[in-house]
Structure formats: C-alpha cells, structure tokens
Amino acid sequence: MKRSLLLFVVLSVLGFTSTTHSQLNIKANPVALGIPHANLEERDTLSNKLINIAFFGVDRRSTSDFGNSDIIMVVTIDMESHKVKLSSIMRDTYVSIYARGKNKINAAYLEGGPRLAIRTLNENFDLAIRDYISVDFFGSAKIIEALGGAEIDVKPEELEYLNNYLGEIAGIDGVPANFVKKAGVQRLDGKQTVAYSRIRAVGRGDYGRINRQATVMNALTKSIQDKKENFIQIVLKDIVPNIETNLDYAQLFEIGSGLLRAKSRKLEHVRFPLDNASEGVMIDKIWYLSTDLAKTTKSLHGFIYDDIYPE
C-alpha cells in the first residue's frame, strides 16, 4: 500500500505532533467517512498513482483530547513522479459537519476526532480520503530536532511573535525558552520552528501562517533528504513515537524509501478556498470564511488530479 513517509515527516513539523496510538479502524466503513458511491472510491483507490491523505495539526495540551485542527491539509502523493502536493484548507472555512450543522471546519476534529474530520473533508469537497496523520506541537519539536532543525528566514516583524510563542511553550513544558535573538536566515531548533509556524499576527492572520507552514515544510524536506543515511533510525526513534496515524510501518517505509529518491526538494502548495471564491462573514457575532463550495471543489480537484495551478 503506497504512502509517503517523507511527507509524513515533513507534515509532522508544522507545529504539531502527537503520541502514536491506535485511534480506530477508520477504513472499515466508507459511508462513515462520507464516501457515498463506488466511483469516488475508485478514483482515489490505493492502486492508482495518486494517493490522498488527510493531515491534521491539532491544538491540544493533552493526548487524551481531540482539540481543534488548526492545520487541515489534503496531502497528494504521485507515486509515479514522486511529486507531493499540499492543499491547505483554511481552518475558518464555513462547512457542513455531519450531525452537527454548519461550523468552522476545524471544529470537526474537536467534535469527532479524525473520523469526523475526514468525513467533513470528503462530504464538502467530493473526496474519498481514508487515511490520516494527526500531530500536535509537543512531539513535533522532537522530530525537528532529530532532523537537525530548519533553515528559516525570520523577518524582523515576526521576531517578537515567535519569541512570544516560545515563552508559551516554555510555560507549558517547564523548560526555559531558547529565544531567537535576531532576524534573518538562520537554523531554528525544534521549538523555535514550531513557534515560527504558529505566528498569525503578521501577514493576514491565517493566510500568513499557512505560508509559514509551507516554508517550514520545504525547509524540512531538504533536511530529510540530507539525512538519508540515518533516516530509518530517525523514523523509529523520533518520528513513530510522536505521531498518530492509521498507516502501518510497512506502508510508511515502502513509500518513504521511494520518495527519498525524488528529484525535487520542494513541495507544491496551494491554499483553499481561493480569494475569488470566499469572503469573511459574521454569523451570530462569530467570524467565518464563507466559500462557494462548488467553485472551491472544482479548483481543489483541478490542483489534485489535473495539475491545474490556480493563479
């Protein structure tokens, strides 16, 4: 079964990682995952060259909690070209959540964990996703450390907010913060990279944060490929204990070994919904990102299945 360990690691460094445990057999019932008919499942079947995986970055303080999924992505792996595409879904997108009514899409994970979160993606965007990776921000720092950190160009206006997040992390885990002292290109350690990826106050809120997450992913892709010789050891010691997924070791290693040979060191990334298909609205004094779901689904499918890149 074809999956991407390279992707698995890269996504695990976006500011969130969790403890591995057997969540549930979410593959067992397609209807429960919002996959209503066979032709959808055929399109995304494991035998095809394109594999879609849901990735959730979960904001939580305990592994016993679900938490909101503040990072939501559809990860597309082309097994023939070893191309990896990331489709970020804005967390405030106003969608229907099964048996819960309409809400921000990030609430689905809090309400029903990965099963409901996957179902919400499938039903709103006409997908047939079965597999997932979930992470929170504690373990991700350990993974980044194992990979040697990430080289990031920290902008002057980002520095204060990065250090504020470092202070928050230090207060939670009781370890003194290693504050970033200056802006510019530098190698950030695990916690510093996590803090950088969480910045919202610079660059249109979540829009800027999604761009930073893409920056981190690309930096870690390079780190991963630079550590090919030690990668199996890193996977077993530092990655597997710090993630939650329904993918097994054999699936991860099979695909990871293939993608480590990929020519490209840069991931392809698009944020959805697009600006021309969405607008902010106030409903009961709460801000939501309203979108034309038909238009967004069309552009998302174009990117995933047909390599059509939105302007």
C-alpha atoms as a PDB file:
ATOM      1  CA  MET A   1       0.000   0.000   0.000  1.00  0.00           C
ATOM      2  CA  LYS A   2       1.536   3.229  -1.109  1.00  0.00           C
ATOM      3  CA  ARG A   3       2.038   6.078   1.359  1.00  0.00           C
ATOM      4  CA  SER A   4       4.644   8.756   1.961  1.00  0.00           C
ATOM      5  CA  LEU A   5       6.970   8.682   4.906  1.00  0.00           C
ATOM      6  CA  LEU A   6       8.777  11.700   3.529  1.00  0.00           C
ATOM      7  CA  LEU A   7       5.524  13.598   3.558  1.00  0.00           C
ATOM      8  CA  PHE A   8       4.639  12.134   6.923  1.00  0.00           C
ATOM      9  CA  VAL A   9       7.778  13.635   8.438  1.00  0.00           C
ATOM     10  CA  VAL A  10       7.512  16.979   6.682  1.00  0.00           C
ATOM     11  CA  LEU A  11       3.947  17.483   7.826  1.00  0.00           C
ATOM     12  CA  SER A  12       4.837  16.479  11.343  1.00  0.00           C
ATOM     13  CA  VAL A  13       6.976  19.573  11.679  1.00  0.00           C
ATOM     14  CA  LEU A  14       4.317  22.184  11.069  1.00  0.00           C
ATOM     15  CA  GLY A  15       3.966  22.963  14.722  1.00  0.00           C
ATOM     16  CA  PHE A  16       2.020  19.980  15.926  1.00  0.00           C
ATOM     17  CA  THR A  17       2.741  16.300  16.721  1.00  0.00           C
ATOM     18  CA  SER A  18       1.085  13.698  18.913  1.00  0.00           C
ATOM     19  CA  THR A  19       1.641  10.330  20.547  1.00  0.00           C
ATOM     20  CA  THR A  20       1.170   7.250  18.419  1.00  0.00           C
ATOM     21  CA  HIS A  21      -1.786   5.136  19.421  1.00  0.00           C
ATOM     22  CA  SER A  22      -4.351   3.039  17.630  1.00  0.00           C
ATOM     23  CA  GLN A  23      -7.144   5.526  17.040  1.00  0.00           C
ATOM     24  CA  LEU A  24      -9.787   3.399  15.331  1.00  0.00           C
ATOM     25  CA  ASN A  25     -10.269   1.442  12.168  1.00  0.00           C
ATOM     26  CA  ILE A  26     -11.493   4.381  10.152  1.00  0.00           C
ATOM     27  CA  LYS A  27     -11.094   2.446   6.901  1.00  0.00           C
ATOM     28  CA  ALA A  28     -13.796  -0.044   7.753  1.00  0.00           C
ATOM     29  CA  ASN A  29     -16.916   1.856   6.705  1.00  0.00           C
ATOM     30  CA  PRO A  30     -16.777   4.116   3.626  1.00  0.00           C
ATOM     31  CA  VAL A  31     -20.191   5.600   4.403  1.00  0.00           C
ATOM     32  CA  ALA A  32     -18.998   6.674   7.863  1.00  0.00           C
ATOM     33  CA  LEU A  33     -16.159   8.512   6.128  1.00  0.00           C
ATOM     34  CA  GLY A  34     -18.512  10.306   3.762  1.00  0.00           C
ATOM     35  CA  ILE A  35     -17.612   8.213   0.700  1.00  0.00           C
ATOM     36  CA  PRO A  36     -21.083   7.693  -0.766  1.00  0.00           C
ATOM     37  CA  HIS A  37     -20.515   5.808  -4.011  1.00  0.00           C
ATOM     38  CA  ALA A  38     -18.068   3.426  -5.649  1.00  0.00           C
ATOM     39  CA  ASN A  39     -16.823   5.660  -8.439  1.00  0.00           C
ATOM     40  CA  LEU A  40     -15.427   8.118  -5.881  1.00  0.00           C
ATOM     41  CA  GLU A  41     -13.564   5.320  -4.135  1.00  0.00           C
ATOM     42  CA  GLU A  42     -12.301   4.014  -7.477  1.00  0.00           C
ATOM     43  CA  ARG A  43     -10.854   7.403  -8.305  1.00  0.00           C
ATOM     44  CA  ASP A  44      -8.827   7.535  -5.111  1.00  0.00           C
ATOM     45  CA  THR A  45      -8.137   3.814  -4.804  1.00  0.00           C
ATOM     46  CA  LEU A  46      -4.783   2.665  -3.488  1.00  0.00           C
ATOM     47  CA  SER A  47      -3.933   1.066  -6.819  1.00  0.00           C
ATOM     48  CA  ASN A  48      -3.962   4.443  -8.548  1.00  0.00           C
ATOM     49  CA  LYS A  49      -0.851   6.570  -8.804  1.00  0.00           C
ATOM     50  CA  LEU A  50      -2.428   9.435  -6.829  1.00  0.00           C
ATOM     51  CA  ILE A  51      -2.875   8.869  -3.100  1.00  0.00           C
ATOM     52  CA  ASN A  52      -4.671  11.384  -0.868  1.00  0.00           C
ATOM     53  CA  ILE A  53      -4.075  11.535   2.885  1.00  0.00           C
ATOM     54  CA  ALA A  54      -5.670  13.906   5.395  1.00  0.00           C
ATOM     55  CA  PHE A  55      -3.295  15.786   7.666  1.00  0.00           C
ATOM     56  CA  PHE A  56      -4.466  17.487  10.857  1.00  0.00           C
ATOM     57  CA  GLY A  57      -2.355  19.725  13.079  1.00  0.00           C
ATOM     58  CA  VAL A  58      -4.198  19.646  16.379  1.00  0.00           C
ATOM     59  CA  ASP A  59      -4.094  22.379  19.011  1.00  0.00           C
ATOM     60  CA  ARG A  60      -4.248  20.460  22.256  1.00  0.00           C
ATOM     61  CA  ARG A  61      -2.407  20.248  25.574  1.00  0.00           C
ATOM     62  CA  SER A  62      -3.083  16.559  26.310  1.00  0.00           C
ATOM     63  CA  THR A  63      -3.025  13.442  24.128  1.00  0.00           C
ATOM     64  CA  SER A  64      -6.357  12.436  25.675  1.00  0.00           C
ATOM     65  CA  ASP A  65      -8.046  15.407  23.980  1.00  0.00           C
ATOM     66  CA  PHE A  66      -9.029  15.800  20.339  1.00  0.00           C
ATOM     67  CA  GLY A  67      -8.695  19.585  20.101  1.00  0.00           C
ATOM     68  CA  ASN A  68      -9.394  21.813  17.121  1.00  0.00           C
ATOM     69  CA  SER A  69      -7.463  21.024  13.953  1.00  0.00           C
ATOM     70  CA  ASP A  70      -5.744  24.319  13.286  1.00  0.00           C
ATOM     71  CA  ILE A  71      -3.922  22.825  10.309  1.00  0.00           C
ATOM     72  CA  ILE A  72      -6.016  20.939   7.756  1.00  0.00           C
ATOM     73  CA  MET A  73      -4.439  19.637   4.584  1.00  0.00           C
ATOM     74  CA  VAL A  74      -5.078  17.176   1.811  1.00  0.00           C
ATOM     75  CA  VAL A  75      -1.744  15.585   1.001  1.00  0.00           C
ATOM     76  CA  THR A  76      -1.481  14.227  -2.532  1.00  0.00           C
ATOM     77  CA  ILE A  77       1.331  11.834  -3.446  1.00  0.00           C
ATOM     78  CA  ASP A  78       2.059  10.972  -7.067  1.00  0.00           C
ATOM     79  CA  MET A  79       3.722   7.588  -6.873  1.00  0.00           C
ATOM     80  CA  GLU A  80       4.998   7.711 -10.456  1.00  0.00           C
ATOM     81  CA  SER A  81       6.650  11.127 -10.427  1.00  0.00           C
ATOM     82  CA  HIS A  82       7.284  11.244  -6.633  1.00  0.00           C
ATOM     83  CA  LYS A  83       5.602  14.637  -6.636  1.00  0.00           C
ATOM     84  CA  VAL A  84       3.994  15.778  -3.379  1.00  0.00           C
ATOM     85  CA  LYS A  85       1.206  18.374  -3.360  1.00  0.00           C
ATOM     86  CA  LEU A  86      -0.272  20.028  -0.303  1.00  0.00           C
ATOM     87  CA  SER A  87      -3.751  21.554  -0.345  1.00  0.00           C
ATOM     88  CA  SER A  88      -4.243  23.696   2.764  1.00  0.00           C
ATOM     89  CA  ILE A  89      -7.851  24.218   3.845  1.00  0.00           C
ATOM     90  CA  MET A  90      -8.422  27.422   5.798  1.00  0.00           C
ATOM     91  CA  ARG A  91      -9.469  26.459   9.312  1.00  0.00           C
ATOM     92  CA  ASP A  92     -12.307  29.037   9.470  1.00  0.00           C
ATOM     93  CA  THR A  93     -13.997  27.741   6.303  1.00  0.00           C
ATOM     94  CA  TYR A  94     -17.756  27.521   6.879  1.00  0.00           C
ATOM     95  CA  VAL A  95     -18.917  23.976   6.061  1.00  0.00           C
ATOM     96  CA  SER A  96     -21.486  21.354   6.999  1.00  0.00           C
ATOM     97  CA  ILE A  97     -20.361  18.881   9.665  1.00  0.00           C
ATOM     98  CA  TYR A  98     -22.303  15.620   9.785  1.00  0.00           C
ATOM     99  CA  ALA A  99     -24.976  15.630  12.534  1.00  0.00           C
ATOM    100  CA  ARG A 100     -23.603  18.907  13.907  1.00  0.00           C
ATOM    101  CA  GLY A 101     -24.848  21.507  11.434  1.00  0.00           C
ATOM    102  CA  LYS A 102     -22.669  24.245   9.959  1.00  0.00           C
ATOM    103  CA  ASN A 103     -19.483  25.426  11.621  1.00  0.00           C
ATOM    104  CA  LYS A 104     -15.828  26.183  11.038  1.00  0.00           C
ATOM    105  CA  ILE A 105     -14.141  23.155   9.505  1.00  0.00           C
ATOM    106  CA  ASN A 106     -11.577  22.973  12.312  1.00  0.00           C
ATOM    107  CA  ALA A 107     -14.376  22.123  14.768  1.00  0.00           C
ATOM    108  CA  ALA A 108     -14.934  18.715  13.154  1.00  0.00           C
ATOM    109  CA  TYR A 109     -11.832  17.220  14.763  1.00  0.00           C
ATOM    110  CA  LEU A 110     -12.805  18.538  18.194  1.00  0.00           C
ATOM    111  CA  GLU A 111     -16.324  17.153  17.818  1.00  0.00           C
ATOM    112  CA  GLY A 112     -15.471  13.700  16.493  1.00  0.00           C
ATOM    113  CA  GLY A 113     -11.745  13.160  16.034  1.00  0.00           C
ATOM    114  CA  PRO A 114     -10.147  12.013  12.774  1.00  0.00           C
ATOM    115  CA  ARG A 115     -13.180  10.054  11.569  1.00  0.00           C
ATOM    116  CA  LEU A 116     -15.491  13.087  11.595  1.00  0.00           C
ATOM    117  CA  ALA A 117     -12.738  15.375  10.313  1.00  0.00           C
ATOM    118  CA  ILE A 118     -12.121  13.089   7.314  1.00  0.00           C
ATOM    119  CA  ARG A 119     -15.847  12.779   6.688  1.00  0.00           C
ATOM    120  CA  THR A 120     -16.145  16.571   6.684  1.00  0.00           C
ATOM    121  CA  LEU A 121     -13.430  16.881   4.045  1.00  0.00           C
ATOM    122  CA  ASN A 122     -14.942  14.135   1.911  1.00  0.00           C
ATOM    123  CA  GLU A 123     -18.519  15.371   2.039  1.00  0.00           C
ATOM    124  CA  ASN A 124     -17.775  19.047   1.457  1.00  0.00           C
ATOM    125  CA  PHE A 125     -15.099  18.646  -1.223  1.00  0.00           C
ATOM    126  CA  ASP A 126     -16.163  15.441  -3.009  1.00  0.00           C
ATOM    127  CA  LEU A 127     -13.136  13.403  -1.916  1.00  0.00           C
ATOM    128  CA  ALA A 128     -12.622   9.772  -0.884  1.00  0.00           C
ATOM    129  CA  ILE A 129      -9.927  10.026   1.772  1.00  0.00           C
ATOM    130  CA  ARG A 130      -9.438   7.072   4.145  1.00  0.00           C
ATOM    131  CA  ASP A 131      -6.062   7.670   5.783  1.00  0.00           C
ATOM    132  CA  TYR A 132      -4.795  10.380   8.086  1.00  0.00           C
ATOM    133  CA  ILE A 133      -1.895  11.751  10.092  1.00  0.00           C
ATOM    134  CA  SER A 134      -2.502  13.828  13.219  1.00  0.00           C
ATOM    135  CA  VAL A 135       0.110  15.805  15.111  1.00  0.00           C
ATOM    136  CA  ASP A 136       0.288  18.303  17.994  1.00  0.00           C
ATOM    137  CA  PHE A 137       3.007  20.794  18.788  1.00  0.00           C
ATOM    138  CA  PHE A 138       4.873  18.960  21.574  1.00  0.00           C
ATOM    139  CA  GLY A 139       6.271  15.993  19.663  1.00  0.00           C
ATOM    140  CA  SER A 140       6.922  17.969  16.500  1.00  0.00           C
ATOM    141  CA  ALA A 141       9.747  19.840  18.191  1.00  0.00           C
ATOM    142  CA  LYS A 142      11.421  16.490  18.910  1.00  0.00           C
ATOM    143  CA  ILE A 143      11.100  15.440  15.286  1.00  0.00           C
ATOM    144  CA  ILE A 144      12.562  18.701  14.041  1.00  0.00           C
ATOM    145  CA  GLU A 145      15.448  18.376  16.476  1.00  0.00           C
ATOM    146  CA  ALA A 146      16.168  14.878  15.171  1.00  0.00           C
ATOM    147  CA  LEU A 147      16.290  16.277  11.638  1.00  0.00           C
ATOM    148  CA  GLY A 148      18.746  18.977  12.627  1.00  0.00           C
ATOM    149  CA  GLY A 149      16.306  21.893  12.692  1.00  0.00           C
ATOM    150  CA  ALA A 150      15.064  24.038   9.826  1.00  0.00           C
ATOM    151  CA  GLU A 151      16.760  26.893   7.994  1.00  0.00           C
ATOM    152  CA  ILE A 152      14.300  29.804   8.027  1.00  0.00           C
ATOM    153  CA  ASP A 153      14.497  33.464   7.046  1.00  0.00           C
ATOM    154  CA  VAL A 154      12.899  35.121  10.073  1.00  0.00           C
ATOM    155  CA  LYS A 155      11.521  38.561   9.212  1.00  0.00           C
ATOM    156  CA  PRO A 156      12.061  41.430  11.714  1.00  0.00           C
ATOM    157  CA  GLU A 157       8.309  41.825  12.221  1.00  0.00           C
ATOM    158  CA  GLU A 158       7.990  38.103  13.062  1.00  0.00           C
ATOM    159  CA  LEU A 159      10.635  38.008  15.778  1.00  0.00           C
ATOM    160  CA  GLU A 160       8.528  39.290  18.683  1.00  0.00           C
ATOM    161  CA  TYR A 161       5.658  36.891  17.987  1.00  0.00           C
ATOM    162  CA  LEU A 162       7.995  33.936  17.503  1.00  0.00           C
ATOM    163  CA  ASN A 163       9.506  34.571  20.938  1.00  0.00           C
ATOM    164  CA  ASN A 164       6.071  35.035  22.499  1.00  0.00           C
ATOM    165  CA  TYR A 165       5.137  31.537  21.346  1.00  0.00           C
ATOM    166  CA  LEU A 166       8.437  30.203  22.661  1.00  0.00           C
ATOM    167  CA  GLY A 167       7.547  31.670  26.056  1.00  0.00           C
ATOM    168  CA  GLU A 168       4.147  29.956  25.915  1.00  0.00           C
ATOM    169  CA  ILE A 169       5.732  26.590  25.102  1.00  0.00           C
ATOM    170  CA  ALA A 170       8.244  27.050  27.936  1.00  0.00           C
ATOM    171  CA  GLY A 171       5.406  27.735  30.367  1.00  0.00           C
ATOM    172  CA  ILE A 172       3.656  24.511  29.359  1.00  0.00           C
ATOM    173  CA  ASP A 173       6.580  22.076  29.414  1.00  0.00           C
ATOM    174  CA  GLY A 174       8.580  23.763  32.192  1.00  0.00           C
ATOM    175  CA  VAL A 175      11.798  24.092  30.174  1.00  0.00           C
ATOM    176  CA  PRO A 176      13.410  27.554  29.778  1.00  0.00           C
ATOM    177  CA  ALA A 177      12.896  29.070  26.347  1.00  0.00           C
ATOM    178  CA  ASN A 178      15.779  29.461  23.901  1.00  0.00           C
ATOM    179  CA  PHE A 179      14.686  32.793  22.434  1.00  0.00           C
ATOM    180  CA  VAL A 180      15.644  33.812  18.896  1.00  0.00           C
ATOM    181  CA  LYS A 181      17.892  36.854  19.238  1.00  0.00           C
ATOM    182  CA  LYS A 182      17.839  38.332  15.752  1.00  0.00           C
ATOM    183  CA  ALA A 183      16.043  38.275  12.423  1.00  0.00           C
ATOM    184  CA  GLY A 184      17.498  36.860   9.210  1.00  0.00           C
ATOM    185  CA  VAL A 185      18.363  33.474   7.722  1.00  0.00           C
ATOM    186  CA  GLN A 186      19.242  31.020  10.475  1.00  0.00           C
ATOM    187  CA  ARG A 187      18.767  27.422  11.548  1.00  0.00           C
ATOM    188  CA  LEU A 188      15.953  27.209  14.078  1.00  0.00           C
ATOM    189  CA  ASP A 189      15.753  24.371  16.566  1.00  0.00           C
ATOM    190  CA  GLY A 190      12.628  22.274  17.091  1.00  0.00           C
ATOM    191  CA  LYS A 191      10.710  24.535  19.448  1.00  0.00           C
ATOM    192  CA  GLN A 192      11.739  27.666  17.569  1.00  0.00           C
ATOM    193  CA  THR A 193      10.450  26.177  14.324  1.00  0.00           C
ATOM    194  CA  VAL A 194       7.176  25.204  15.996  1.00  0.00           C
ATOM    195  CA  ALA A 195       6.785  28.749  17.309  1.00  0.00           C
ATOM    196  CA  TYR A 196       7.557  30.248  13.893  1.00  0.00           C
ATOM    197  CA  SER A 197       4.924  28.069  12.221  1.00  0.00           C
ATOM    198  CA  ARG A 198       2.254  29.267  14.667  1.00  0.00           C
ATOM    199  CA  ILE A 199       2.613  33.023  14.030  1.00  0.00           C
ATOM    200  CA  ARG A 200      -0.708  34.592  12.988  1.00  0.00           C
ATOM    201  CA  ALA A 201      -0.235  38.279  13.791  1.00  0.00           C
ATOM    202  CA  VAL A 202       1.883  39.014  10.715  1.00  0.00           C
ATOM    203  CA  GLY A 203       0.571  38.674   7.146  1.00  0.00           C
ATOM    204  CA  ARG A 204      -3.252  38.499   7.115  1.00  0.00           C
ATOM    205  CA  GLY A 205      -3.685  36.141  10.061  1.00  0.00           C
ATOM    206  CA  ASP A 206      -4.136  32.532   8.981  1.00  0.00           C
ATOM    207  CA  TYR A 207      -3.123  33.370   5.416  1.00  0.00           C
ATOM    208  CA  GLY A 208       0.354  34.313   6.641  1.00  0.00           C
ATOM    209  CA  ARG A 209       0.527  31.337   8.960  1.00  0.00           C
ATOM    210  CA  ILE A 210      -0.249  28.912   6.135  1.00  0.00           C
ATOM    211  CA  ASN A 211       2.592  30.460   4.116  1.00  0.00           C
ATOM    212  CA  ARG A 212       4.961  29.966   7.056  1.00  0.00           C
ATOM    213  CA  GLN A 213       3.891  26.352   7.358  1.00  0.00           C
ATOM    214  CA  ALA A 214       4.767  25.831   3.691  1.00  0.00           C
ATOM    215  CA  THR A 215       8.145  27.484   4.306  1.00  0.00           C
ATOM    216  CA  VAL A 216       8.812  25.095   7.188  1.00  0.00           C
ATOM    217  CA  MET A 217       7.775  22.055   5.149  1.00  0.00           C
ATOM    218  CA  ASN A 218      10.139  22.933   2.343  1.00  0.00           C
ATOM    219  CA  ALA A 219      12.997  23.566   4.777  1.00  0.00           C
ATOM    220  CA  LEU A 220      12.408  20.197   6.428  1.00  0.00           C
ATOM    221  CA  THR A 221      12.165  18.435   3.073  1.00  0.00           C
ATOM    222  CA  LYS A 222      15.763  19.487   2.462  1.00  0.00           C
ATOM    223  CA  SER A 223      16.770  18.365   5.958  1.00  0.00           C
ATOM    224  CA  ILE A 224      15.142  14.983   5.397  1.00  0.00           C
ATOM    225  CA  GLN A 225      16.892  14.392   2.102  1.00  0.00           C
ATOM    226  CA  ASP A 226      20.205  15.435   3.658  1.00  0.00           C
ATOM    227  CA  LYS A 227      19.786  12.714   6.289  1.00  0.00           C
ATOM    228  CA  LYS A 228      19.053   9.760   4.029  1.00  0.00           C
ATOM    229  CA  GLU A 229      21.726   7.575   5.617  1.00  0.00           C
ATOM    230  CA  ASN A 230      20.290   7.936   9.142  1.00  0.00           C
ATOM    231  CA  PHE A 231      16.660   8.204   8.153  1.00  0.00           C
ATOM    232  CA  ILE A 232      15.475   4.753   9.266  1.00  0.00           C
ATOM    233  CA  GLN A 233      16.926   5.320  12.729  1.00  0.00           C
ATOM    234  CA  ILE A 234      15.259   8.748  12.936  1.00  0.00           C
ATOM    235  CA  VAL A 235      11.930   7.269  11.873  1.00  0.00           C
ATOM    236  CA  LEU A 236      11.983   4.544  14.533  1.00  0.00           C
ATOM    237  CA  LYS A 237      13.408   6.616  17.382  1.00  0.00           C
ATOM    238  CA  ASP A 238      11.975  10.079  16.858  1.00  0.00           C
ATOM    239  CA  ILE A 239       9.067  10.041  14.430  1.00  0.00           C
ATOM    240  CA  VAL A 240       6.918   6.967  15.054  1.00  0.00           C
ATOM    241  CA  PRO A 241       6.610   7.602  18.831  1.00  0.00           C
ATOM    242  CA  ASN A 242       5.420  11.154  18.206  1.00  0.00           C
ATOM    243  CA  ILE A 243       2.607  10.819  15.705  1.00  0.00           C
ATOM    244  CA  GLU A 244      -0.896   9.457  15.370  1.00  0.00           C
ATOM    245  CA  THR A 245      -1.854   7.704  12.139  1.00  0.00           C
ATOM    246  CA  ASN A 246      -3.675   4.669  10.777  1.00  0.00           C
ATOM    247  CA  LEU A 247      -0.768   3.896   8.433  1.00  0.00           C
ATOM    248  CA  ASP A 248       1.414   0.962   9.457  1.00  0.00           C
ATOM    249  CA  TYR A 249       5.202   0.741   9.438  1.00  0.00           C
ATOM    250  CA  ALA A 250       5.391  -1.277   6.229  1.00  0.00           C
ATOM    251  CA  GLN A 251       3.274   1.255   4.346  1.00  0.00           C
ATOM    252  CA  LEU A 252       5.323   4.158   5.644  1.00  0.00           C
ATOM    253  CA  PHE A 253       8.706   2.609   4.897  1.00  0.00           C
ATOM    254  CA  GLU A 254       7.722   1.376   1.449  1.00  0.00           C
ATOM    255  CA  ILE A 255       6.694   4.785   0.242  1.00  0.00           C
ATOM    256  CA  GLY A 256       9.205   6.765   2.272  1.00  0.00           C
ATOM    257  CA  SER A 257      12.128   4.978   0.646  1.00  0.00           C
ATOM    258  CA  GLY A 258      10.764   5.828  -2.787  1.00  0.00           C
ATOM    259  CA  LEU A 259      10.147   9.499  -2.099  1.00  0.00           C
ATOM    260  CA  LEU A 260      13.555   9.983  -0.556  1.00  0.00           C
ATOM    261  CA  ARG A 261      14.867   9.399  -4.070  1.00  0.00           C
ATOM    262  CA  ALA A 262      12.666  12.139  -5.519  1.00  0.00           C
ATOM    263  CA  LYS A 263      14.465  14.718  -7.633  1.00  0.00           C
ATOM    264  CA  SER A 264      12.503  17.699  -6.323  1.00  0.00           C
ATOM    265  CA  ARG A 265      13.380  19.136  -2.901  1.00  0.00           C
ATOM    266  CA  LYS A 266      10.369  21.454  -2.883  1.00  0.00           C
ATOM    267  CA  LEU A 267       6.741  20.633  -2.141  1.00  0.00           C
ATOM    268  CA  GLU A 268       3.917  22.108  -4.197  1.00  0.00           C
ATOM    269  CA  HIS A 269       1.420  24.024  -2.073  1.00  0.00           C
ATOM    270  CA  VAL A 270      -1.890  25.844  -2.652  1.00  0.00           C
ATOM    271  CA  ARG A 271      -4.283  27.347  -0.114  1.00  0.00           C
ATOM    272  CA  PHE A 272      -8.056  26.800  -0.414  1.00  0.00           C
ATOM    273  CA  PRO A 273     -10.562  28.361  -0.709  1.00  0.00           C
ATOM    274  CA  LEU A 274      -9.126  30.843  -3.167  1.00  0.00           C
ATOM    275  CA  ASP A 275      -9.713  34.551  -2.596  1.00  0.00           C
ATOM    276  CA  ASN A 276     -12.062  34.769  -5.579  1.00  0.00           C
ATOM    277  CA  ALA A 277     -14.291  32.053  -4.102  1.00  0.00           C
ATOM    278  CA  SER A 278     -14.521  33.194  -0.483  1.00  0.00           C
ATOM    279  CA  GLU A 279     -15.314  36.091   1.815  1.00  0.00           C
ATOM    280  CA  GLY A 280     -15.418  36.737   5.534  1.00  0.00           C
ATOM    281  CA  VAL A 281     -18.876  36.868   7.121  1.00  0.00           C
ATOM    282  CA  MET A 282     -20.217  37.462  10.644  1.00  0.00           C
ATOM    283  CA  ILE A 283     -22.798  34.937  11.864  1.00  0.00           C
ATOM    284  CA  ASP A 284     -24.069  35.308  15.440  1.00  0.00           C
ATOM    285  CA  LYS A 285     -21.084  37.584  16.167  1.00  0.00           C
ATOM    286  CA  ILE A 286     -18.573  34.941  15.037  1.00  0.00           C
ATOM    287  CA  TRP A 287     -16.303  35.398  12.002  1.00  0.00           C
ATOM    288  CA  TYR A 288     -16.380  32.651   9.371  1.00  0.00           C
ATOM    289  CA  LEU A 289     -14.798  32.233   5.954  1.00  0.00           C
ATOM    290  CA  SER A 290     -17.745  31.641   3.641  1.00  0.00           C
ATOM    291  CA  THR A 291     -16.987  29.928   0.339  1.00  0.00           C
ATOM    292  CA  ASP A 292     -18.641  28.788  -2.858  1.00  0.00           C
ATOM    293  CA  LEU A 293     -18.164  25.053  -2.229  1.00  0.00           C
ATOM    294  CA  ALA A 294     -18.804  24.055  -5.850  1.00  0.00           C
ATOM    295  CA  LYS A 295     -16.197  26.515  -7.118  1.00  0.00           C
ATOM    296  CA  THR A 296     -13.718  25.582  -4.390  1.00  0.00           C
ATOM    297  CA  THR A 297     -14.184  21.864  -5.048  1.00  0.00           C
ATOM    298  CA  LYS A 298     -13.553  22.396  -8.753  1.00  0.00           C
ATOM    299  CA  SER A 299     -10.313  24.305  -8.159  1.00  0.00           C
ATOM    300  CA  LEU A 300      -9.182  21.811  -5.486  1.00  0.00           C
ATOM    301  CA  HIS A 301      -9.802  18.860  -7.821  1.00  0.00           C
ATOM    302  CA  GLY A 302      -8.008  20.666 -10.628  1.00  0.00           C
ATOM    303  CA  PHE A 303      -4.911  21.008  -8.456  1.00  0.00           C
ATOM    304  CA  ILE A 304      -5.022  17.479  -7.038  1.00  0.00           C
ATOM    305  CA  TYR A 305      -5.970  15.446 -10.090  1.00  0.00           C
ATOM    306  CA  ASP A 306      -5.066  17.514 -13.150  1.00  0.00           C
ATOM    307  CA  ASP A 307      -2.056  19.623 -12.098  1.00  0.00           C
ATOM    308  CA  ILE A 308      -4.012  22.821 -12.744  1.00  0.00           C
ATOM    309  CA  TYR A 309      -2.491  25.520 -10.583  1.00  0.00           C
ATOM    310  CA  PRO A 310      -4.744  28.421  -9.572  1.00  0.00           C
ATOM    311  CA  GLU A 311      -3.491  31.916 -10.278  1.00  0.00           C
END
